[in-house]
Amino acid sequence: MLAALITLWFITRHLSASEQGFYYTFVSVIGLQIVFELGMSNVVMQFASHEMARLSWLPERILQGDEKALSRLYSLLKLIARWYGIIALLIIIFILPAGYYFFNSNVAALGISWQMAWICLILAAAFNILLTPVFALLEGCGHVAQIARLRMFQNIGGSLVCWGMLASGAGLLAMPAMSTVIALTGLCWLFIAYGRFFRALATTYLTTSKIDWKTEIWPLQWRIAISWLSGYFIFQFFVPVLFAYRGAIEAGQMGMSLSVVSAISTIAIAWVNTKAPQFGRLAALQHFRELDTIFFRILKQSTVVIILGAISLLLIKLFLIHTDSSLDARILPLAPFILLLLTTIVNHIVFGLAIYLRSHKEEPFTLLSFVMAMLIATASLLLTKRFGATGMMAAYFVLTLSIGFIWACWLFKTKRQEWQATNKGEQIV
């Protein structure tokens, strides 16, 4: 969160308002890689966590336990290596030219040099996507803290490079530089810290037991894929729409506001995310009472965290308005900013419920995500040109609270009762 705030300061000091719009629209457009990933990393973590119910770590970072579980884990590793290799190629083949066309058709009069930055960013993103499933596998195997530590160092190194590039006048090239450093740091860390793990895992593939993508993964993956694709239109669609209808400056305001709010959201949801592998293990063992006790405790804690974070951001916004700071012009006006904060709090609870349900290797939110994506995307397209960010955020908040939140709570209650009632007759807490 600290790095994100410092990055915002560097952006406001060393990028123009229009360049800021490009910076955050780059982030949103490159999010289209989710079209190719199809939620695979989430599936990888869930499947690995269920296999870990029969495995354990040795001090030298090697897994031991049931041979069938080791075999299935290795087959999962082989599957994701092929899958993400293809994804990296698709990102270069499709997203690079699509983004190039989008920016080129909207910025003829701005005179901003963005072409090289976009090309380098796509190449760095393709590099980074190759490492994503490996980290998900290790998290599913219980090494959540180790991956969190790596990501901290990745962000430290990437942020330092980004700040240095911005301060030196490199402009938008700071983005691909940061992404490249993050990828290289992750690759080196995997080789040094877990090279022995991957070599040992490969030698355990002694049986024909393996995870079958068609019968085991795909029934869950396509549902998560729809949810993830829908998530793009719910959370990443705002900036490109503003960029196309209202220009780079308003897109930059939305992008920076989303970045700030995302920082507190990421911190709060970490309370739940870090327990996801444990949820998967407990669900596999059908220890529902323990699962519920842990989940409801951390959901309450994380909700308090995000509420306090939202209040803090609101106070900062009011301070910027009161002091007539130039930074205030780089983020959304007060009304849409408050609506964004309120929606983020509601979404946090929905995210928590989704993590709990996915620990059972199911995705009940598929239809909900699709409907919300269509409603929010349609409202954004209809309202943005005339009402700007205020109309967009008003629709976002009303739809999320009146439909998304109520529907999610109903699904959570229904599915939880169904699973727990049919598994060993455990009492619902």
Protein backbone atom coordinates (compact mmCIF):
# COMPACT_ATOMS: atom_id res chain seq x y z
CA MET A 1 0.00 0.00 0.00
CA LEU A 2 2.87 2.35 0.81
CA ALA A 3 4.51 1.62 -2.55
CA ALA A 4 1.22 2.31 -4.33
CA LEU A 5 0.89 5.71 -2.67
CA ILE A 6 4.48 6.64 -3.53
CA THR A 7 3.87 5.54 -7.13
CA LEU A 8 0.85 7.84 -7.29
CA TRP A 9 3.01 10.73 -6.18
CA PHE A 10 5.63 9.99 -8.86
CA ILE A 11 2.90 9.74 -11.50
CA THR A 12 1.44 13.12 -10.59
CA ARG A 13 4.93 14.70 -10.54
CA HIS A 14 6.38 13.20 -13.71
CA LEU A 15 3.41 12.36 -15.98
CA SER A 16 0.93 14.80 -17.46
CA ALA A 17 -2.78 14.29 -16.84
CA SER A 18 -3.11 12.80 -20.33
CA GLU A 19 -0.14 10.47 -19.81
CA GLN A 20 -1.71 9.37 -16.54
CA GLY A 21 -4.77 8.40 -18.56
CA PHE A 22 -2.61 6.26 -20.81
CA TYR A 23 -0.86 4.70 -17.82
CA TYR A 24 -4.06 3.40 -16.25
CA THR A 25 -5.76 2.55 -19.54
CA PHE A 26 -2.72 0.38 -20.33
CA VAL A 27 -3.43 -1.51 -17.11
CA SER A 28 -7.10 -2.00 -17.98
CA VAL A 29 -6.55 -3.08 -21.58
CA ILE A 30 -3.82 -5.54 -20.67
CA GLY A 31 -6.31 -7.05 -18.23
CA LEU A 32 -7.86 -8.66 -21.31
CA GLN A 33 -5.35 -11.46 -20.79
CA ILE A 34 -8.02 -12.91 -18.51
CA VAL A 35 -9.87 -13.85 -21.72
CA PHE A 36 -7.16 -16.43 -22.39
CA GLU A 37 -6.36 -17.47 -18.82
CA LEU A 38 -9.97 -18.49 -18.12
CA GLY A 39 -9.52 -18.60 -14.36
CA MET A 40 -6.93 -21.38 -14.50
CA SER A 41 -4.75 -20.05 -11.67
CA ASN A 42 -7.67 -20.16 -9.23
CA VAL A 43 -8.47 -23.71 -10.31
CA VAL A 44 -4.81 -24.72 -9.86
CA MET A 45 -4.78 -23.46 -6.28
CA GLN A 46 -8.01 -25.28 -5.39
CA PHE A 47 -6.90 -28.61 -6.88
CA ALA A 48 -3.46 -28.39 -5.27
CA SER A 49 -4.98 -27.63 -1.86
CA HIS A 50 -7.21 -30.71 -2.09
CA GLU A 51 -4.21 -32.95 -2.95
CA MET A 52 -2.34 -31.47 0.03
CA ALA A 53 -4.86 -33.10 2.35
CA ARG A 54 -2.73 -36.27 1.83
CA LEU A 55 0.70 -34.63 1.63
CA SER A 56 3.12 -32.71 3.86
CA TRP A 57 6.30 -30.66 3.46
CA LEU A 58 9.76 -31.79 4.53
CA PRO A 59 12.21 -29.18 5.89
CA GLU A 60 14.15 -29.24 2.61
CA ARG A 61 11.02 -28.10 0.72
CA ILE A 62 10.10 -31.48 -0.72
CA LEU A 63 6.64 -33.02 -0.50
CA GLN A 64 6.04 -36.43 1.01
CA GLY A 65 2.96 -38.57 1.41
CA ASP A 66 0.48 -40.41 -0.76
CA GLU A 67 2.02 -41.44 -4.08
CA LYS A 68 -1.24 -40.94 -5.94
CA ALA A 69 -1.53 -37.35 -4.67
CA LEU A 70 2.08 -36.61 -5.70
CA SER A 71 1.41 -38.07 -9.12
CA ARG A 72 -1.71 -35.97 -9.59
CA LEU A 73 0.12 -32.84 -8.45
CA TYR A 74 2.85 -33.40 -11.02
CA SER A 75 0.30 -33.99 -13.76
CA LEU A 76 -1.26 -30.65 -12.78
CA LEU A 77 2.13 -28.95 -13.11
CA LYS A 78 2.61 -30.37 -16.61
CA LEU A 79 -0.87 -29.29 -17.62
CA ILE A 80 -0.47 -25.68 -16.50
CA ALA A 81 2.97 -25.40 -18.12
CA ARG A 82 1.43 -26.16 -21.51
CA TRP A 83 -1.67 -24.05 -20.87
CA TYR A 84 0.19 -20.90 -19.89
CA GLY A 85 2.77 -21.25 -22.65
CA ILE A 86 -0.09 -21.00 -25.13
CA ILE A 87 -1.61 -18.06 -23.20
CA ALA A 88 1.66 -16.12 -23.41
CA LEU A 89 1.65 -16.49 -27.19
CA LEU A 90 -2.01 -15.48 -27.46
CA ILE A 91 -1.36 -12.31 -25.44
CA ILE A 92 1.30 -11.25 -27.94
CA ILE A 93 -0.70 -12.26 -31.00
CA PHE A 94 -4.05 -10.72 -30.03
CA ILE A 95 -3.82 -8.17 -27.20
CA LEU A 96 -0.79 -6.34 -28.58
CA PRO A 97 -2.41 -5.39 -31.93
CA ALA A 98 -5.86 -4.90 -30.35
CA GLY A 99 -4.49 -2.42 -27.83
CA TYR A 100 -2.39 -0.71 -30.47
CA TYR A 101 -5.48 -0.15 -32.60
CA PHE A 102 -7.53 1.09 -29.63
CA PHE A 103 -4.99 3.70 -28.56
CA ASN A 104 -4.09 4.72 -32.08
CA SER A 105 -7.73 5.38 -32.95
CA ASN A 106 -8.35 7.61 -29.91
CA VAL A 107 -5.25 9.75 -29.50
CA ALA A 108 -4.41 11.32 -32.85
CA ALA A 109 -4.32 14.84 -31.42
CA LEU A 110 -2.58 14.18 -28.12
CA GLY A 111 0.97 13.82 -29.38
CA ILE A 112 1.96 11.32 -26.67
CA SER A 113 4.65 8.75 -27.36
CA TRP A 114 3.08 5.49 -26.21
CA GLN A 115 3.84 2.91 -28.90
CA MET A 116 7.13 1.49 -27.60
CA ALA A 117 5.83 1.43 -24.02
CA TRP A 118 2.80 -0.60 -25.10
CA ILE A 119 4.85 -3.15 -27.05
CA CYS A 120 7.34 -3.64 -24.21
CA LEU A 121 4.53 -3.91 -21.67
CA ILE A 122 2.84 -6.70 -23.62
CA LEU A 123 6.10 -8.66 -23.86
CA ALA A 124 6.68 -8.25 -20.12
CA ALA A 125 3.10 -9.33 -19.39
CA ALA A 126 3.57 -12.49 -21.47
CA PHE A 127 6.70 -13.22 -19.43
CA ASN A 128 4.87 -12.69 -16.14
CA ILE A 129 1.88 -14.85 -17.09
CA LEU A 130 4.17 -17.88 -17.38
CA LEU A 131 4.96 -17.65 -13.65
CA THR A 132 1.38 -17.12 -12.45
CA PRO A 133 0.31 -20.79 -12.28
CA VAL A 134 3.50 -21.85 -10.53
CA PHE A 135 2.84 -19.39 -7.73
CA ALA A 136 -0.79 -20.58 -7.56
CA LEU A 137 0.40 -24.18 -7.27
CA LEU A 138 2.74 -23.35 -4.40
CA GLU A 139 0.02 -21.38 -2.62
CA GLY A 140 -2.33 -24.33 -3.01
CA CYS A 141 0.38 -26.51 -1.47
CA GLY A 142 0.30 -24.32 1.63
CA HIS A 143 3.24 -21.95 1.01
CA VAL A 144 1.12 -18.82 1.15
CA ALA A 145 3.52 -16.87 3.36
CA GLN A 146 6.49 -17.69 1.12
CA ILE A 147 4.68 -16.44 -1.98
CA ALA A 148 3.54 -13.33 -0.12
CA ARG A 149 7.15 -12.64 0.86
CA LEU A 150 8.24 -13.03 -2.74
CA ARG A 151 5.55 -10.65 -3.96
CA MET A 152 6.67 -8.10 -1.40
CA PHE A 153 10.22 -8.19 -2.76
CA GLN A 154 8.93 -8.18 -6.33
CA ASN A 155 6.92 -5.05 -5.63
CA ILE A 156 9.82 -3.38 -3.83
CA GLY A 157 12.17 -4.00 -6.74
CA GLY A 158 9.59 -3.18 -9.39
CA SER A 159 8.49 0.00 -7.62
CA LEU A 160 12.06 1.27 -7.21
CA VAL A 161 12.69 0.79 -10.92
CA CYS A 162 9.36 2.44 -11.79
CA TRP A 163 10.13 5.47 -9.62
CA GLY A 164 13.61 5.78 -11.06
CA MET A 165 12.30 5.59 -14.63
CA LEU A 166 9.61 8.18 -13.95
CA ALA A 167 12.05 10.53 -12.26
CA SER A 168 14.48 10.22 -15.17
CA GLY A 169 11.82 11.23 -17.67
CA ALA A 170 11.22 7.80 -19.21
CA GLY A 171 7.47 8.37 -19.02
CA LEU A 172 5.27 5.41 -19.91
CA LEU A 173 8.30 3.13 -20.32
CA ALA A 174 8.33 2.92 -16.51
CA MET A 175 5.45 0.42 -16.70
CA PRO A 176 7.15 -2.31 -18.77
CA ALA A 177 10.37 -1.77 -16.81
CA MET A 178 8.57 -2.45 -13.54
CA SER A 179 6.79 -5.50 -15.00
CA THR A 180 10.07 -6.92 -16.31
CA VAL A 181 11.81 -6.58 -12.94
CA ILE A 182 8.87 -8.31 -11.24
CA ALA A 183 9.09 -11.23 -13.68
CA LEU A 184 12.87 -11.62 -13.39
CA THR A 185 12.71 -11.50 -9.58
CA GLY A 186 10.06 -14.22 -9.53
CA LEU A 187 11.95 -16.44 -11.96
CA CYS A 188 15.22 -16.22 -10.01
CA TRP A 189 13.44 -16.86 -6.72
CA LEU A 190 11.69 -19.95 -8.06
CA PHE A 191 14.95 -21.37 -9.35
CA ILE A 192 16.83 -20.77 -6.09
CA ALA A 193 14.13 -21.56 -3.51
CA TYR A 194 12.08 -24.26 -5.22
CA GLY A 195 14.30 -25.82 -7.87
CA ARG A 196 14.68 -28.93 -5.70
CA PHE A 197 10.92 -29.14 -5.16
CA PHE A 198 10.16 -29.22 -8.88
CA ARG A 199 12.90 -31.74 -9.61
CA ALA A 200 11.70 -34.00 -6.78
CA LEU A 201 8.09 -33.68 -7.89
CA ALA A 202 9.03 -34.78 -11.40
CA THR A 203 10.64 -37.97 -10.08
CA THR A 204 7.42 -39.00 -8.27
CA TYR A 205 5.43 -39.43 -11.46
CA LEU A 206 5.55 -43.23 -11.15
CA THR A 207 1.91 -44.19 -11.66
CA THR A 208 -0.77 -43.48 -14.21
CA SER A 209 -2.79 -41.46 -11.71
CA LYS A 210 -3.25 -37.94 -13.02
CA ILE A 211 -5.69 -35.07 -13.05
CA ASP A 212 -7.87 -35.18 -16.13
CA TRP A 213 -8.54 -31.71 -17.52
CA LYS A 214 -11.75 -32.62 -19.34
CA THR A 215 -13.55 -34.45 -16.54
CA GLU A 216 -12.13 -32.76 -13.43
CA ILE A 217 -10.84 -29.27 -14.22
CA TRP A 218 -13.07 -28.08 -17.06
CA PRO A 219 -16.41 -28.47 -15.19
CA LEU A 220 -15.08 -26.02 -12.59
CA GLN A 221 -12.91 -23.92 -14.87
CA TRP A 222 -15.57 -22.80 -17.31
CA ARG A 223 -17.67 -21.50 -14.46
CA ILE A 224 -14.76 -19.63 -12.90
CA ALA A 225 -13.78 -18.42 -16.38
CA ILE A 226 -17.17 -16.78 -16.85
CA SER A 227 -16.88 -15.20 -13.41
CA TRP A 228 -13.40 -13.88 -14.17
CA LEU A 229 -14.37 -12.59 -17.61
CA SER A 230 -17.37 -10.92 -16.00
CA GLY A 231 -15.05 -9.45 -13.40
CA TYR A 232 -13.17 -7.62 -16.14
CA PHE A 233 -16.32 -5.82 -17.22
CA ILE A 234 -17.21 -5.12 -13.60
CA PHE A 235 -13.82 -3.77 -12.46
CA GLN A 236 -11.61 -2.99 -15.50
CA PHE A 237 -14.10 -1.69 -18.06
CA PHE A 238 -14.54 1.78 -16.56
CA VAL A 239 -11.19 3.23 -17.61
CA PRO A 240 -11.28 2.26 -21.33
CA VAL A 241 -14.88 3.50 -21.61
CA LEU A 242 -13.97 6.85 -20.09
CA PHE A 243 -10.89 6.98 -22.31
CA ALA A 244 -13.03 6.47 -25.42
CA TYR A 245 -15.95 8.74 -24.47
CA ARG A 246 -14.48 11.44 -22.22
CA GLY A 247 -10.75 11.47 -22.97
CA ALA A 248 -7.47 10.52 -21.35
CA ILE A 249 -7.70 12.97 -18.44
CA GLU A 250 -10.96 11.59 -17.01
CA ALA A 251 -9.75 8.06 -17.67
CA GLY A 252 -6.65 8.90 -15.64
CA GLN A 253 -8.77 10.16 -12.75
CA MET A 254 -10.73 6.93 -12.72
CA GLY A 255 -7.59 4.82 -13.06
CA MET A 256 -5.82 6.52 -10.17
CA SER A 257 -8.91 6.32 -7.96
CA LEU A 258 -9.32 2.63 -8.73
CA SER A 259 -5.63 2.10 -7.98
CA VAL A 260 -5.91 3.74 -4.56
CA VAL A 261 -9.08 1.89 -3.63
CA SER A 262 -7.63 -1.37 -4.95
CA ALA A 263 -4.71 -0.98 -2.55
CA ILE A 264 -6.94 -1.08 0.54
CA SER A 265 -9.11 -3.78 -1.04
CA THR A 266 -6.07 -5.98 -1.68
CA ILE A 267 -4.88 -5.60 1.89
CA ALA A 268 -8.31 -6.40 3.35
CA ILE A 269 -9.00 -9.44 1.15
CA ALA A 270 -5.57 -10.82 2.08
CA TRP A 271 -7.16 -11.85 5.39
CA VAL A 272 -9.34 -14.24 3.39
CA ASN A 273 -7.09 -15.07 0.43
CA THR A 274 -4.27 -16.33 2.59
CA LYS A 275 -6.63 -18.86 4.13
CA ALA A 276 -7.97 -20.16 0.79
CA PRO A 277 -5.65 -23.22 0.68
CA GLN A 278 -6.62 -24.04 4.26
CA PHE A 279 -10.29 -23.74 3.32
CA GLY A 280 -9.72 -26.18 0.46
CA ARG A 281 -8.00 -28.69 2.74
CA LEU A 282 -10.75 -28.46 5.39
CA ALA A 283 -13.45 -28.82 2.72
CA ALA A 284 -11.70 -31.92 1.35
CA LEU A 285 -11.59 -33.41 4.86
CA GLN A 286 -15.24 -32.32 5.48
CA HIS A 287 -14.27 -30.44 8.65
CA PHE A 288 -17.07 -27.93 8.15
CA ARG A 289 -17.33 -26.68 11.72
CA GLU A 290 -13.67 -25.66 11.78
CA LEU A 291 -13.99 -24.19 8.28
CA ASP A 292 -16.94 -22.02 9.30
CA THR A 293 -15.31 -20.85 12.52
CA ILE A 294 -12.19 -19.66 10.72
CA PHE A 295 -14.03 -18.14 7.77
CA PHE A 296 -16.56 -16.04 9.66
CA ARG A 297 -13.88 -14.74 12.03
CA ILE A 298 -11.56 -13.53 9.28
CA LEU A 299 -14.42 -12.16 7.15
CA LYS A 300 -15.44 -9.93 10.06
CA GLN A 301 -11.83 -8.85 10.63
CA SER A 302 -11.22 -8.07 6.97
CA THR A 303 -14.48 -6.13 6.67
CA VAL A 304 -13.43 -3.91 9.57
CA VAL A 305 -10.08 -3.35 7.83
CA ILE A 306 -11.64 -2.26 4.54
CA ILE A 307 -14.14 0.03 6.27
CA LEU A 308 -11.33 1.76 8.17
CA GLY A 309 -9.32 2.00 4.95
CA ALA A 310 -12.26 3.56 3.11
CA ILE A 311 -12.76 6.11 5.88
CA SER A 312 -9.06 6.99 5.73
CA LEU A 313 -9.19 7.53 1.97
CA LEU A 314 -12.29 9.70 2.32
CA LEU A 315 -10.54 11.87 4.92
CA ILE A 316 -7.53 12.24 2.62
CA LYS A 317 -9.84 13.24 -0.24
CA LEU A 318 -11.52 15.87 1.94
CA PHE A 319 -8.13 17.19 3.01
CA LEU A 320 -7.04 17.54 -0.63
CA ILE A 321 -10.24 19.46 -1.41
CA HIS A 322 -9.83 21.70 1.64
CA THR A 323 -6.20 22.54 0.82
CA ASP A 324 -6.96 23.00 -2.89
CA SER A 325 -4.19 20.54 -3.71
CA SER A 326 -3.28 19.90 -7.34
CA LEU A 327 -3.37 16.18 -6.53
CA ASP A 328 -7.13 16.42 -6.06
CA ALA A 329 -7.55 17.05 -9.81
CA ARG A 330 -5.86 13.72 -10.57
CA ILE A 331 -8.53 11.61 -8.85
CA LEU A 332 -12.32 11.43 -9.12
CA PRO A 333 -14.54 14.22 -7.78
CA LEU A 334 -16.02 13.69 -4.32
CA ALA A 335 -19.41 12.19 -5.26
CA PRO A 336 -18.19 9.39 -7.57
CA PHE A 337 -15.24 8.75 -5.23
CA ILE A 338 -17.60 8.10 -2.28
CA LEU A 339 -19.75 5.81 -4.45
CA LEU A 340 -16.63 3.87 -5.45
CA LEU A 341 -15.61 3.44 -1.80
CA LEU A 342 -19.06 2.20 -0.78
CA THR A 343 -19.19 -0.27 -3.67
CA THR A 344 -15.73 -1.56 -2.78
CA ILE A 345 -16.87 -2.39 0.76
CA VAL A 346 -19.88 -4.32 -0.56
CA ASN A 347 -17.74 -6.13 -3.12
CA HIS A 348 -15.28 -7.16 -0.41
CA ILE A 349 -17.95 -9.20 1.35
CA VAL A 350 -19.00 -10.80 -1.95
CA PHE A 351 -15.35 -11.70 -2.69
CA GLY A 352 -15.08 -13.39 0.70
CA LEU A 353 -18.19 -15.47 0.12
CA ALA A 354 -16.87 -16.51 -3.30
CA ILE A 355 -13.56 -17.70 -1.83
CA TYR A 356 -15.41 -19.86 0.71
CA LEU A 357 -17.63 -21.46 -1.92
CA ARG A 358 -14.74 -22.12 -4.34
CA SER A 359 -12.91 -24.04 -1.62
CA HIS A 360 -15.41 -26.83 -2.35
CA LYS A 361 -14.14 -26.99 -5.97
CA GLU A 362 -17.35 -25.43 -7.24
CA GLU A 363 -18.29 -22.02 -8.68
CA PRO A 364 -21.90 -21.08 -7.82
CA PHE A 365 -21.38 -17.41 -8.78
CA THR A 366 -21.20 -18.01 -12.55
CA LEU A 367 -24.64 -16.69 -13.46
CA LEU A 368 -24.44 -13.91 -10.88
CA SER A 369 -21.12 -12.67 -12.27
CA PHE A 370 -22.36 -12.79 -15.86
CA VAL A 371 -25.57 -10.89 -15.13
CA MET A 372 -23.73 -8.23 -13.10
CA ALA A 373 -21.11 -7.80 -15.82
CA MET A 374 -23.74 -7.27 -18.49
CA LEU A 375 -25.72 -4.82 -16.37
CA ILE A 376 -22.70 -2.78 -15.29
CA ALA A 377 -21.11 -2.74 -18.75
CA THR A 378 -24.40 -1.68 -20.36
CA ALA A 379 -24.98 1.04 -17.78
CA SER A 380 -21.43 2.32 -18.26
CA LEU A 381 -21.84 2.54 -22.03
CA LEU A 382 -25.21 4.29 -21.75
CA LEU A 383 -24.39 6.76 -18.97
CA THR A 384 -20.71 7.64 -19.36
CA LYS A 385 -20.92 9.87 -22.43
CA ARG A 386 -23.49 12.16 -20.82
CA PHE A 387 -22.89 11.85 -17.08
CA GLY A 388 -19.23 10.84 -16.93
CA ALA A 389 -17.78 9.09 -13.91
CA THR A 390 -20.62 10.15 -11.61
CA GLY A 391 -23.26 8.33 -13.64
CA MET A 392 -20.99 5.35 -14.04
CA MET A 393 -20.27 5.02 -10.31
CA ALA A 394 -23.91 5.61 -9.34
CA ALA A 395 -25.01 2.72 -11.53
CA TYR A 396 -22.14 0.60 -10.22
CA PHE A 397 -23.16 1.13 -6.59
CA VAL A 398 -26.92 0.66 -7.09
CA LEU A 399 -26.52 -2.53 -9.14
CA THR A 400 -23.92 -4.03 -6.79
CA LEU A 401 -25.96 -3.41 -3.65
CA SER A 402 -29.46 -4.18 -4.93
CA ILE A 403 -28.63 -7.22 -7.07
CA GLY A 404 -25.07 -8.48 -6.60
CA PHE A 405 -24.89 -8.43 -2.80
CA ILE A 406 -28.36 -9.88 -2.14
CA TRP A 407 -27.93 -12.59 -4.75
CA ALA A 408 -24.47 -13.54 -3.42
CA CYS A 409 -25.74 -13.86 0.15
CA TRP A 410 -28.60 -16.08 -0.98
CA LEU A 411 -26.25 -18.34 -2.95
CA PHE A 412 -23.84 -18.56 -0.02
CA LYS A 413 -26.56 -19.58 2.44
CA THR A 414 -28.16 -22.07 0.04
CA LYS A 415 -24.97 -23.83 -1.11
CA ARG A 416 -23.45 -23.96 2.38
CA GLN A 417 -26.52 -25.62 3.82
CA GLU A 418 -26.69 -28.04 0.90
CA TRP A 419 -23.06 -29.17 1.19
CA GLN A 420 -22.98 -29.48 4.94
CA ALA A 421 -26.30 -31.29 5.16
CA THR A 422 -25.21 -33.94 2.64
CA ASN A 423 -21.75 -34.61 4.09
CA LYS A 424 -21.81 -36.69 7.24
CA GLY A 425 -24.82 -34.81 8.53
CA GLU A 426 -22.66 -32.17 10.26
CA GLN A 427 -24.57 -29.51 12.16
CA ILE A 428 -24.78 -26.12 10.47
CA VAL A 429 -23.11 -23.44 12.60
